[in-house]
Amino acid sequence: MTPLLLVSGLLLWVGLTLLFSEVRWFARRSLSDRLGPYVPGGMGIRGRVGLLSVESFREAVGPVARSLGSQFSRLFGVSEDLDRRLTRIHSHLDVTEFRVRQIGWSLAGLGTGALLSAAVRPPVQMALLFMFGGLLLSFLALEQQISSASDRWKRSVYLELPVVAEQVGMLLGAGYSLVGALDRVARRGSGAISDDLFRVLTRIRQGVTEEEALREWSELADVHAVERFVSVLALNREASDLGRLIAEESRAIRREVQRELLERMEKRGQQVWIPVTVATLLPGVVFIIIPFMSALGDFL
C-alpha cells in the first residue's frame, strides 16, 4: 500500500498548493501585476500566472479536460453538447471551467478511494473498484447535475409558456410592438422565460433580427411548444391580427399542459393501487395454499 500512500500524498500536496494559491496572504500578487490594468493601454494585459496556481492548472489541463469529458459523456449516453446545456440554464461556467472542475472532482474521488483502500486493505480487485468507482461516481454526479438542471429548466419554460404567451398577445393587442411586448414581459416576470427573453432582447440589441433571435431561443430551449410559439411570433410583419393568433396558440399550449397534467395524475392514481394489490394478494395466496396443501396431502 506504500505506492497508494505516495500517490495520495502527492494529490494532497497538489490540491493544497492550488487552494493556497487563491489565498491573498499566501500568494500575494506583485505590485506591477496589480497596477498593470490601470496604466494606459494596460486593460488587456493579463497578470503573470504562477507556476502552481488555479489559472496555470486550468490553462494546462483545460483542453485535455474538455476532450476527455466529452468522450466520457458520450460513452455513458449523454449526447447533448455541454455548452448547449450550460447556455440553456444561464450558468456562469463555460465548458472548460466545468470540465476542469469535473476532472478535479474525479481525481478527488480517485484519491478518496485510494485512501479508503489504504485504510481497509481489501483485495486488489476491491481496491481498484474503490478507486475507479470513486472516480466515475464523481464524474457522473456532476454530469447528472447539469442534465437535471437542464431538464428542470425546460420543464419550467414549458409550464410558464401559456401565461407568457397570453401576456404577449394582450400587449400586442394593446398596441405594443413585438420588441416592446417582449421587453415588458421580461422586466415584469421572474421565471425561466424572463431570463430567456432578456437574452433574446440582448441579441436584438446586438444587431440580430427579431426572427433570428427568437429562432435561436427556440432551438436552445428544445421545447416543442416554444417552437410553435416562435413560429407564430415570426408572422409579426405579415399578419395584422397577431394578437388573436397568439391567443389561440396560448390556449392550445394550455390545453396541452392540462392533458399532460391529467395523464400524470392518472398514472399516479394507478400507482397507488400497486401496494394495495400486493398487500391483498399475499394473504389471499396464503389462505389458498393452506387448504390446497391439506387436500394434496390426502391424495399422497
C-alpha atoms as a PDB file:
ATOM      1  CA  MET A   1       0.000   0.000   0.000  1.00  0.00           C
ATOM      2  CA  THR A   2       3.067   2.305   0.035  1.00  0.00           C
ATOM      3  CA  PRO A   3       2.537   3.415  -3.613  1.00  0.00           C
ATOM      4  CA  LEU A   4      -1.073   4.297  -2.797  1.00  0.00           C
ATOM      5  CA  LEU A   5       0.066   6.421   0.128  1.00  0.00           C
ATOM      6  CA  LEU A   6       2.643   8.167  -2.059  1.00  0.00           C
ATOM      7  CA  VAL A   7       0.042   8.908  -4.751  1.00  0.00           C
ATOM      8  CA  SER A   8      -2.434  10.146  -2.138  1.00  0.00           C
ATOM      9  CA  GLY A   9       0.205  12.381  -0.569  1.00  0.00           C
ATOM     10  CA  LEU A  10       1.122  13.802  -3.976  1.00  0.00           C
ATOM     11  CA  LEU A  11      -2.504  14.555  -4.798  1.00  0.00           C
ATOM     12  CA  LEU A  12      -2.976  16.149  -1.376  1.00  0.00           C
ATOM     13  CA  TRP A  13       0.098  18.329  -1.902  1.00  0.00           C
ATOM     14  CA  VAL A  14      -1.074  19.498  -5.323  1.00  0.00           C
ATOM     15  CA  GLY A  15      -4.568  20.211  -4.015  1.00  0.00           C
ATOM     16  CA  LEU A  16      -3.299  22.242  -1.055  1.00  0.00           C
ATOM     17  CA  THR A  17      -0.968  24.179  -3.354  1.00  0.00           C
ATOM     18  CA  LEU A  18      -3.827  25.077  -5.688  1.00  0.00           C
ATOM     19  CA  LEU A  19      -6.002  26.002  -2.727  1.00  0.00           C
ATOM     20  CA  PHE A  20      -3.424  28.242  -1.084  1.00  0.00           C
ATOM     21  CA  SER A  21      -2.630  29.914  -4.415  1.00  0.00           C
ATOM     22  CA  GLU A  22      -6.068  31.565  -4.225  1.00  0.00           C
ATOM     23  CA  VAL A  23      -5.495  32.935  -0.708  1.00  0.00           C
ATOM     24  CA  ARG A  24      -4.258  36.516  -0.712  1.00  0.00           C
ATOM     25  CA  TRP A  25      -1.927  36.251   2.282  1.00  0.00           C
ATOM     26  CA  PHE A  26      -0.253  33.155   0.845  1.00  0.00           C
ATOM     27  CA  ALA A  27       0.094  34.122  -2.838  1.00  0.00           C
ATOM     28  CA  ARG A  28       0.149  37.905  -2.996  1.00  0.00           C
ATOM     29  CA  ARG A  29       0.313  39.409  -6.493  1.00  0.00           C
ATOM     30  CA  SER A  30       3.183  41.687  -7.307  1.00  0.00           C
ATOM     31  CA  LEU A  31       2.733  45.445  -7.454  1.00  0.00           C
ATOM     32  CA  SER A  32       3.317  45.572 -11.209  1.00  0.00           C
ATOM     33  CA  ASP A  33       0.590  42.987 -11.814  1.00  0.00           C
ATOM     34  CA  ARG A  34      -1.871  44.905  -9.648  1.00  0.00           C
ATOM     35  CA  LEU A  35      -1.152  48.264 -11.314  1.00  0.00           C
ATOM     36  CA  GLY A  36      -0.939  46.870 -14.867  1.00  0.00           C
ATOM     37  CA  PRO A  37      -4.659  47.175 -15.786  1.00  0.00           C
ATOM     38  CA  TYR A  38      -4.700  50.862 -14.764  1.00  0.00           C
ATOM     39  CA  VAL A  39      -1.796  52.116 -16.888  1.00  0.00           C
ATOM     40  CA  PRO A  40      -2.522  53.489 -20.404  1.00  0.00           C
ATOM     41  CA  GLY A  41      -3.100  50.583 -22.751  1.00  0.00           C
ATOM     42  CA  GLY A  42      -2.953  48.045 -19.977  1.00  0.00           C
ATOM     43  CA  MET A  43      -6.605  46.976 -19.808  1.00  0.00           C
ATOM     44  CA  GLY A  44      -5.921  43.967 -21.996  1.00  0.00           C
ATOM     45  CA  ILE A  45      -2.738  42.934 -20.220  1.00  0.00           C
ATOM     46  CA  ARG A  46      -3.083  39.828 -18.104  1.00  0.00           C
ATOM     47  CA  GLY A  47      -1.094  39.406 -14.949  1.00  0.00           C
ATOM     48  CA  ARG A  48       1.622  36.824 -14.787  1.00  0.00           C
ATOM     49  CA  VAL A  49       0.397  33.435 -13.755  1.00  0.00           C
ATOM     50  CA  GLY A  50       2.347  31.419 -11.195  1.00  0.00           C
ATOM     51  CA  LEU A  51       3.701  28.010 -11.955  1.00  0.00           C
ATOM     52  CA  LEU A  52       1.376  26.310  -9.459  1.00  0.00           C
ATOM     53  CA  SER A  53      -1.912  28.201  -9.401  1.00  0.00           C
ATOM     54  CA  VAL A  54      -5.502  27.647 -10.369  1.00  0.00           C
ATOM     55  CA  GLU A  55      -5.048  29.718 -13.552  1.00  0.00           C
ATOM     56  CA  SER A  56      -1.986  27.791 -14.699  1.00  0.00           C
ATOM     57  CA  PHE A  57      -3.656  24.495 -13.829  1.00  0.00           C
ATOM     58  CA  ARG A  58      -6.752  25.471 -15.823  1.00  0.00           C
ATOM     59  CA  GLU A  59      -4.713  26.566 -18.842  1.00  0.00           C
ATOM     60  CA  ALA A  60      -2.659  23.370 -18.758  1.00  0.00           C
ATOM     61  CA  VAL A  61      -5.410  20.797 -18.312  1.00  0.00           C
ATOM     62  CA  GLY A  62      -8.300  22.714 -19.892  1.00  0.00           C
ATOM     63  CA  PRO A  63      -8.051  21.275 -23.445  1.00  0.00           C
ATOM     64  CA  VAL A  64      -7.367  17.774 -22.138  1.00  0.00           C
ATOM     65  CA  ALA A  65     -10.256  18.009 -19.659  1.00  0.00           C
ATOM     66  CA  ARG A  66     -12.599  19.168 -22.415  1.00  0.00           C
ATOM     67  CA  SER A  67     -11.666  16.320 -24.707  1.00  0.00           C
ATOM     68  CA  LEU A  68     -11.775  13.615 -22.030  1.00  0.00           C
ATOM     69  CA  GLY A  69     -15.005  14.951 -20.532  1.00  0.00           C
ATOM     70  CA  SER A  70     -16.842  14.970 -23.860  1.00  0.00           C
ATOM     71  CA  GLN A  71     -15.651  11.450 -24.695  1.00  0.00           C
ATOM     72  CA  PHE A  72     -16.690  10.068 -21.315  1.00  0.00           C
ATOM     73  CA  SER A  73     -20.078  11.791 -21.598  1.00  0.00           C
ATOM     74  CA  ARG A  74     -20.732  10.188 -24.981  1.00  0.00           C
ATOM     75  CA  LEU A  75     -19.545   6.860 -23.586  1.00  0.00           C
ATOM     76  CA  PHE A  76     -22.222   6.985 -20.877  1.00  0.00           C
ATOM     77  CA  GLY A  77     -25.021   8.030 -23.245  1.00  0.00           C
ATOM     78  CA  VAL A  78     -25.031  11.845 -22.894  1.00  0.00           C
ATOM     79  CA  SER A  79     -25.480  13.075 -26.460  1.00  0.00           C
ATOM     80  CA  GLU A  80     -26.365  16.745 -25.936  1.00  0.00           C
ATOM     81  CA  ASP A  81     -23.495  19.210 -26.046  1.00  0.00           C
ATOM     82  CA  LEU A  82     -22.379  20.573 -22.675  1.00  0.00           C
ATOM     83  CA  ASP A  83     -22.104  24.139 -23.975  1.00  0.00           C
ATOM     84  CA  ARG A  84     -25.744  23.987 -25.054  1.00  0.00           C
ATOM     85  CA  ARG A  85     -26.883  22.807 -21.607  1.00  0.00           C
ATOM     86  CA  LEU A  86     -24.821  25.401 -19.756  1.00  0.00           C
ATOM     87  CA  THR A  87     -26.143  28.185 -22.001  1.00  0.00           C
ATOM     88  CA  ARG A  88     -29.717  26.958 -21.530  1.00  0.00           C
ATOM     89  CA  ILE A  89     -29.596  27.214 -17.724  1.00  0.00           C
ATOM     90  CA  HIS A  90     -27.704  30.562 -17.824  1.00  0.00           C
ATOM     91  CA  SER A  91     -24.713  29.115 -15.996  1.00  0.00           C
ATOM     92  CA  HIS A  92     -21.735  31.364 -15.269  1.00  0.00           C
ATOM     93  CA  LEU A  93     -19.381  28.493 -16.108  1.00  0.00           C
ATOM     94  CA  ASP A  94     -18.066  27.773 -19.573  1.00  0.00           C
ATOM     95  CA  VAL A  95     -17.263  24.317 -20.894  1.00  0.00           C
ATOM     96  CA  THR A  96     -13.579  24.419 -19.951  1.00  0.00           C
ATOM     97  CA  GLU A  97     -14.233  25.541 -16.382  1.00  0.00           C
ATOM     98  CA  PHE A  98     -16.862  22.872 -15.875  1.00  0.00           C
ATOM     99  CA  ARG A  99     -14.698  20.109 -17.352  1.00  0.00           C
ATOM    100  CA  VAL A 100     -11.709  21.153 -15.241  1.00  0.00           C
ATOM    101  CA  ARG A 101     -13.914  21.117 -12.139  1.00  0.00           C
ATOM    102  CA  GLN A 102     -15.288  17.738 -13.187  1.00  0.00           C
ATOM    103  CA  ILE A 103     -11.797  16.296 -13.650  1.00  0.00           C
ATOM    104  CA  GLY A 104     -10.783  17.752 -10.276  1.00  0.00           C
ATOM    105  CA  TRP A 105     -13.711  16.095  -8.523  1.00  0.00           C
ATOM    106  CA  SER A 106     -12.925  12.841 -10.333  1.00  0.00           C
ATOM    107  CA  LEU A 107      -9.326  12.945  -9.110  1.00  0.00           C
ATOM    108  CA  ALA A 108     -10.616  13.694  -5.625  1.00  0.00           C
ATOM    109  CA  GLY A 109     -12.851  10.621  -5.859  1.00  0.00           C
ATOM    110  CA  LEU A 110      -9.874   8.589  -7.030  1.00  0.00           C
ATOM    111  CA  GLY A 111      -7.807   9.828  -4.072  1.00  0.00           C
ATOM    112  CA  THR A 112     -10.644   9.105  -1.649  1.00  0.00           C
ATOM    113  CA  GLY A 113     -10.894   5.566  -2.978  1.00  0.00           C
ATOM    114  CA  ALA A 114      -7.121   5.159  -2.638  1.00  0.00           C
ATOM    115  CA  LEU A 115      -7.195   6.370   0.967  1.00  0.00           C
ATOM    116  CA  LEU A 116     -10.097   4.058   1.739  1.00  0.00           C
ATOM    117  CA  SER A 117      -8.219   1.150   0.175  1.00  0.00           C
ATOM    118  CA  ALA A 118      -5.116   2.002   2.198  1.00  0.00           C
ATOM    119  CA  ALA A 119      -7.136   2.120   5.416  1.00  0.00           C
ATOM    120  CA  VAL A 120      -9.243  -1.012   4.870  1.00  0.00           C
ATOM    121  CA  ARG A 121      -6.632  -3.014   2.909  1.00  0.00           C
ATOM    122  CA  PRO A 122      -9.091  -5.042   0.818  1.00  0.00           C
ATOM    123  CA  PRO A 123      -8.093  -7.370  -2.025  1.00  0.00           C
ATOM    124  CA  VAL A 124      -6.622  -5.836  -5.143  1.00  0.00           C
ATOM    125  CA  GLN A 125      -9.899  -6.141  -7.076  1.00  0.00           C
ATOM    126  CA  MET A 126     -11.817  -4.310  -4.344  1.00  0.00           C
ATOM    127  CA  ALA A 127      -9.129  -1.627  -4.115  1.00  0.00           C
ATOM    128  CA  LEU A 128      -9.379  -0.979  -7.852  1.00  0.00           C
ATOM    129  CA  LEU A 129     -13.159  -0.918  -7.546  1.00  0.00           C
ATOM    130  CA  PHE A 130     -12.969   1.697  -4.771  1.00  0.00           C
ATOM    131  CA  MET A 131     -10.560   3.881  -6.722  1.00  0.00           C
ATOM    132  CA  PHE A 132     -12.175   3.795 -10.166  1.00  0.00           C
ATOM    133  CA  GLY A 133     -15.663   3.686  -8.665  1.00  0.00           C
ATOM    134  CA  GLY A 134     -14.999   6.931  -6.819  1.00  0.00           C
ATOM    135  CA  LEU A 135     -13.596   8.474  -9.996  1.00  0.00           C
ATOM    136  CA  LEU A 136     -16.613   7.514 -12.124  1.00  0.00           C
ATOM    137  CA  LEU A 137     -19.096   8.404  -9.400  1.00  0.00           C
ATOM    138  CA  SER A 138     -17.688  11.918  -9.034  1.00  0.00           C
ATOM    139  CA  PHE A 139     -17.637  12.443 -12.795  1.00  0.00           C
ATOM    140  CA  LEU A 140     -21.178  11.191 -13.362  1.00  0.00           C
ATOM    141  CA  ALA A 141     -22.562  13.091 -10.365  1.00  0.00           C
ATOM    142  CA  LEU A 142     -21.592  16.461 -11.879  1.00  0.00           C
ATOM    143  CA  GLU A 143     -22.776  15.363 -15.321  1.00  0.00           C
ATOM    144  CA  GLN A 144     -26.136  14.312 -13.909  1.00  0.00           C
ATOM    145  CA  GLN A 145     -26.390  17.596 -12.022  1.00  0.00           C
ATOM    146  CA  ILE A 146     -26.131  19.615 -15.239  1.00  0.00           C
ATOM    147  CA  SER A 147     -28.529  17.306 -17.092  1.00  0.00           C
ATOM    148  CA  SER A 148     -31.102  17.526 -14.286  1.00  0.00           C
ATOM    149  CA  ALA A 149     -30.799  21.324 -14.183  1.00  0.00           C
ATOM    150  CA  SER A 150     -31.318  21.435 -17.955  1.00  0.00           C
ATOM    151  CA  ASP A 151     -34.422  19.223 -17.734  1.00  0.00           C
ATOM    152  CA  ARG A 152     -35.847  21.332 -14.901  1.00  0.00           C
ATOM    153  CA  TRP A 153     -35.268  24.490 -16.948  1.00  0.00           C
ATOM    154  CA  LYS A 154     -37.074  23.041 -19.958  1.00  0.00           C
ATOM    155  CA  ARG A 155     -39.929  21.958 -17.718  1.00  0.00           C
ATOM    156  CA  SER A 156     -40.195  25.452 -16.217  1.00  0.00           C
ATOM    157  CA  VAL A 157     -40.248  27.014 -19.684  1.00  0.00           C
ATOM    158  CA  TYR A 158     -42.980  24.601 -20.770  1.00  0.00           C
ATOM    159  CA  LEU A 159     -45.169  25.379 -17.751  1.00  0.00           C
ATOM    160  CA  GLU A 160     -44.655  29.168 -17.923  1.00  0.00           C
ATOM    161  CA  LEU A 161     -45.250  29.442 -21.658  1.00  0.00           C
ATOM    162  CA  PRO A 162     -49.105  29.620 -21.644  1.00  0.00           C
ATOM    163  CA  VAL A 163     -49.126  32.595 -19.274  1.00  0.00           C
ATOM    164  CA  VAL A 164     -46.292  34.364 -21.102  1.00  0.00           C
ATOM    165  CA  ALA A 165     -47.988  33.795 -24.468  1.00  0.00           C
ATOM    166  CA  GLU A 166     -51.232  35.315 -23.159  1.00  0.00           C
ATOM    167  CA  GLN A 167     -49.352  38.336 -21.813  1.00  0.00           C
ATOM    168  CA  VAL A 168     -47.545  38.885 -25.114  1.00  0.00           C
ATOM    169  CA  GLY A 169     -50.824  38.536 -27.006  1.00  0.00           C
ATOM    170  CA  MET A 170     -52.578  41.107 -24.786  1.00  0.00           C
ATOM    171  CA  LEU A 171     -49.697  43.577 -25.118  1.00  0.00           C
ATOM    172  CA  LEU A 172     -49.649  43.234 -28.894  1.00  0.00           C
ATOM    173  CA  GLY A 173     -53.413  43.750 -28.962  1.00  0.00           C
ATOM    174  CA  ALA A 174     -52.967  46.887 -26.847  1.00  0.00           C
ATOM    175  CA  GLY A 175     -50.622  48.405 -29.445  1.00  0.00           C
ATOM    176  CA  TYR A 176     -47.177  47.357 -28.259  1.00  0.00           C
ATOM    177  CA  SER A 177     -44.554  46.371 -30.777  1.00  0.00           C
ATOM    178  CA  LEU A 178     -43.139  42.849 -30.582  1.00  0.00           C
ATOM    179  CA  VAL A 179     -39.865  44.012 -29.029  1.00  0.00           C
ATOM    180  CA  GLY A 180     -41.736  46.262 -26.593  1.00  0.00           C
ATOM    181  CA  ALA A 181     -44.043  43.428 -25.552  1.00  0.00           C
ATOM    182  CA  LEU A 182     -41.137  41.037 -25.025  1.00  0.00           C
ATOM    183  CA  ASP A 183     -39.235  43.662 -23.047  1.00  0.00           C
ATOM    184  CA  ARG A 184     -42.203  44.380 -20.773  1.00  0.00           C
ATOM    185  CA  VAL A 185     -42.835  40.681 -20.131  1.00  0.00           C
ATOM    186  CA  ALA A 186     -39.145  40.086 -19.420  1.00  0.00           C
ATOM    187  CA  ARG A 187     -38.929  43.003 -16.971  1.00  0.00           C
ATOM    188  CA  ARG A 188     -42.139  42.184 -15.107  1.00  0.00           C
ATOM    189  CA  GLY A 189     -41.536  38.443 -14.949  1.00  0.00           C
ATOM    190  CA  SER A 190     -39.212  36.451 -12.715  1.00  0.00           C
ATOM    191  CA  GLY A 191     -39.201  32.948 -14.188  1.00  0.00           C
ATOM    192  CA  ALA A 192     -37.160  30.958 -16.654  1.00  0.00           C
ATOM    193  CA  ILE A 193     -38.774  32.538 -19.725  1.00  0.00           C
ATOM    194  CA  SER A 194     -37.980  36.026 -18.424  1.00  0.00           C
ATOM    195  CA  ASP A 195     -34.280  35.173 -18.339  1.00  0.00           C
ATOM    196  CA  ASP A 196     -34.522  33.703 -21.828  1.00  0.00           C
ATOM    197  CA  LEU A 197     -36.295  36.791 -23.136  1.00  0.00           C
ATOM    198  CA  PHE A 198     -33.549  39.011 -21.712  1.00  0.00           C
ATOM    199  CA  ARG A 199     -31.118  37.006 -23.824  1.00  0.00           C
ATOM    200  CA  VAL A 200     -33.362  37.410 -26.869  1.00  0.00           C
ATOM    201  CA  LEU A 201     -33.501  41.179 -26.334  1.00  0.00           C
ATOM    202  CA  THR A 202     -29.729  41.310 -25.907  1.00  0.00           C
ATOM    203  CA  ARG A 203     -29.287  39.544 -29.230  1.00  0.00           C
ATOM    204  CA  ILE A 204     -31.667  42.003 -30.888  1.00  0.00           C
ATOM    205  CA  ARG A 205     -29.661  44.938 -29.496  1.00  0.00           C
ATOM    206  CA  GLN A 206     -26.528  43.345 -30.934  1.00  0.00           C
ATOM    207  CA  GLY A 207     -28.000  43.650 -34.422  1.00  0.00           C
ATOM    208  CA  VAL A 208     -29.716  40.293 -34.894  1.00  0.00           C
ATOM    209  CA  THR A 209     -33.205  40.420 -36.361  1.00  0.00           C
ATOM    210  CA  GLU A 210     -36.210  39.579 -34.222  1.00  0.00           C
ATOM    211  CA  GLU A 211     -36.933  36.369 -36.127  1.00  0.00           C
ATOM    212  CA  GLU A 212     -33.344  35.129 -35.836  1.00  0.00           C
ATOM    213  CA  ALA A 213     -33.150  35.915 -32.106  1.00  0.00           C
ATOM    214  CA  LEU A 214     -36.437  34.133 -31.419  1.00  0.00           C
ATOM    215  CA  ARG A 215     -35.381  31.178 -33.566  1.00  0.00           C
ATOM    216  CA  GLU A 216     -32.148  30.908 -31.573  1.00  0.00           C
ATOM    217  CA  TRP A 217     -34.215  30.810 -28.392  1.00  0.00           C
ATOM    218  CA  SER A 218     -36.486  28.053 -29.721  1.00  0.00           C
ATOM    219  CA  GLU A 219     -33.512  25.941 -30.809  1.00  0.00           C
ATOM    220  CA  LEU A 220     -31.777  26.394 -27.451  1.00  0.00           C
ATOM    221  CA  ALA A 221     -34.908  25.797 -25.366  1.00  0.00           C
ATOM    222  CA  ASP A 222     -35.586  22.461 -27.116  1.00  0.00           C
ATOM    223  CA  VAL A 223     -39.308  22.627 -26.262  1.00  0.00           C
ATOM    224  CA  HIS A 224     -41.854  21.886 -28.996  1.00  0.00           C
ATOM    225  CA  ALA A 225     -44.360  24.399 -27.604  1.00  0.00           C
ATOM    226  CA  VAL A 226     -41.743  27.160 -27.793  1.00  0.00           C
ATOM    227  CA  GLU A 227     -41.106  26.318 -31.440  1.00  0.00           C
ATOM    228  CA  ARG A 228     -44.811  26.722 -32.223  1.00  0.00           C
ATOM    229  CA  PHE A 229     -44.987  29.965 -30.264  1.00  0.00           C
ATOM    230  CA  VAL A 230     -41.937  31.376 -32.070  1.00  0.00           C
ATOM    231  CA  SER A 231     -43.375  30.346 -35.452  1.00  0.00           C
ATOM    232  CA  VAL A 232     -46.440  32.466 -34.648  1.00  0.00           C
ATOM    233  CA  LEU A 233     -44.313  35.415 -33.491  1.00  0.00           C
ATOM    234  CA  ALA A 234     -42.366  35.200 -36.767  1.00  0.00           C
ATOM    235  CA  LEU A 235     -45.546  36.353 -38.536  1.00  0.00           C
ATOM    236  CA  ASN A 236     -45.268  39.771 -36.868  1.00  0.00           C
ATOM    237  CA  ARG A 237     -44.552  41.643 -40.108  1.00  0.00           C
ATOM    238  CA  GLU A 238     -47.063  39.654 -42.178  1.00  0.00           C
ATOM    239  CA  ALA A 239     -50.181  39.155 -40.033  1.00  0.00           C
ATOM    240  CA  SER A 240     -52.376  42.046 -38.909  1.00  0.00           C
ATOM    241  CA  ASP A 241     -54.184  40.068 -36.185  1.00  0.00           C
ATOM    242  CA  LEU A 242     -51.133  38.597 -34.484  1.00  0.00           C
ATOM    243  CA  GLY A 243     -52.696  39.051 -31.038  1.00  0.00           C
ATOM    244  CA  ARG A 244     -55.563  36.718 -31.931  1.00  0.00           C
ATOM    245  CA  LEU A 245     -53.172  34.105 -33.328  1.00  0.00           C
ATOM    246  CA  ILE A 246     -51.055  34.229 -30.180  1.00  0.00           C
ATOM    247  CA  ALA A 247     -54.162  33.933 -28.010  1.00  0.00           C
ATOM    248  CA  GLU A 248     -55.225  30.803 -29.918  1.00  0.00           C
ATOM    249  CA  GLU A 249     -51.733  29.355 -29.602  1.00  0.00           C
ATOM    250  CA  SER A 250     -51.644  30.077 -25.857  1.00  0.00           C
ATOM    251  CA  ARG A 251     -54.981  28.274 -25.412  1.00  0.00           C
ATOM    252  CA  ALA A 252     -53.634  25.311 -27.369  1.00  0.00           C
ATOM    253  CA  ILE A 253     -50.498  25.195 -25.206  1.00  0.00           C
ATOM    254  CA  ARG A 254     -52.604  25.449 -22.044  1.00  0.00           C
ATOM    255  CA  ARG A 255     -54.794  22.533 -23.175  1.00  0.00           C
ATOM    256  CA  GLU A 256     -51.657  20.511 -23.895  1.00  0.00           C
ATOM    257  CA  VAL A 257     -50.305  21.243 -20.404  1.00  0.00           C
ATOM    258  CA  GLN A 258     -53.657  20.282 -18.877  1.00  0.00           C
ATOM    259  CA  ARG A 259     -53.719  16.983 -20.793  1.00  0.00           C
ATOM    260  CA  GLU A 260     -50.217  16.167 -19.614  1.00  0.00           C
ATOM    261  CA  LEU A 261     -51.176  17.040 -16.039  1.00  0.00           C
ATOM    262  CA  LEU A 262     -54.253  14.792 -16.195  1.00  0.00           C
ATOM    263  CA  GLU A 263     -52.172  11.992 -17.664  1.00  0.00           C
ATOM    264  CA  ARG A 264     -49.662  12.298 -14.839  1.00  0.00           C
ATOM    265  CA  MET A 265     -52.449  12.314 -12.243  1.00  0.00           C
ATOM    266  CA  GLU A 266     -53.941   9.162 -13.776  1.00  0.00           C
ATOM    267  CA  LYS A 267     -50.567   7.409 -13.677  1.00  0.00           C
ATOM    268  CA  ARG A 268     -50.044   8.328 -10.048  1.00  0.00           C
ATOM    269  CA  GLY A 269     -53.570   7.205  -9.237  1.00  0.00           C
ATOM    270  CA  GLN A 270     -52.817   3.833 -10.779  1.00  0.00           C
ATOM    271  CA  GLN A 271     -49.539   3.587  -8.866  1.00  0.00           C
ATOM    272  CA  VAL A 272     -51.426   3.982  -5.597  1.00  0.00           C
ATOM    273  CA  TRP A 273     -53.160   0.653  -6.194  1.00  0.00           C
ATOM    274  CA  ILE A 274     -49.899  -1.294  -6.591  1.00  0.00           C
ATOM    275  CA  PRO A 275     -49.118  -1.622  -2.842  1.00  0.00           C
ATOM    276  CA  VAL A 276     -52.810  -2.192  -2.096  1.00  0.00           C
ATOM    277  CA  THR A 277     -52.940  -5.028  -4.627  1.00  0.00           C
ATOM    278  CA  VAL A 278     -49.747  -6.606  -3.292  1.00  0.00           C
ATOM    279  CA  ALA A 279     -50.978  -6.333   0.305  1.00  0.00           C
ATOM    280  CA  THR A 280     -54.251  -8.009  -0.704  1.00  0.00           C
ATOM    281  CA  LEU A 281     -52.744 -10.792  -2.802  1.00  0.00           C
ATOM    282  CA  LEU A 282     -50.239 -12.051  -0.244  1.00  0.00           C
ATOM    283  CA  PRO A 283     -52.800 -13.012   2.450  1.00  0.00           C
ATOM    284  CA  GLY A 284     -55.069 -14.443  -0.247  1.00  0.00           C
ATOM    285  CA  VAL A 285     -52.278 -16.640  -1.581  1.00  0.00           C
ATOM    286  CA  VAL A 286     -51.522 -17.847   1.943  1.00  0.00           C
ATOM    287  CA  PHE A 287     -55.163 -18.741   2.592  1.00  0.00           C
ATOM    288  CA  ILE A 288     -55.336 -20.604  -0.733  1.00  0.00           C
ATOM    289  CA  ILE A 289     -52.092 -22.545  -0.243  1.00  0.00           C
ATOM    290  CA  ILE A 290     -53.078 -23.928   3.194  1.00  0.00           C
ATOM    291  CA  PRO A 291     -56.230 -25.875   2.061  1.00  0.00           C
ATOM    292  CA  PHE A 292     -54.538 -26.812  -1.202  1.00  0.00           C
ATOM    293  CA  MET A 293     -51.596 -28.415   0.628  1.00  0.00           C
ATOM    294  CA  SER A 294     -54.007 -30.138   3.003  1.00  0.00           C
ATOM    295  CA  ALA A 295     -56.044 -31.620   0.139  1.00  0.00           C
ATOM    296  CA  LEU A 296     -52.846 -32.616  -1.667  1.00  0.00           C
ATOM    297  CA  GLY A 297     -51.715 -34.485   1.468  1.00  0.00           C
ATOM    298  CA  ASP A 298     -54.875 -36.604   1.404  1.00  0.00           C
ATOM    299  CA  PHE A 299     -54.069 -37.812  -2.134  1.00  0.00           C
ATOM    300  CA  LEU A 300     -50.467 -38.544  -1.242  1.00  0.00           C
END
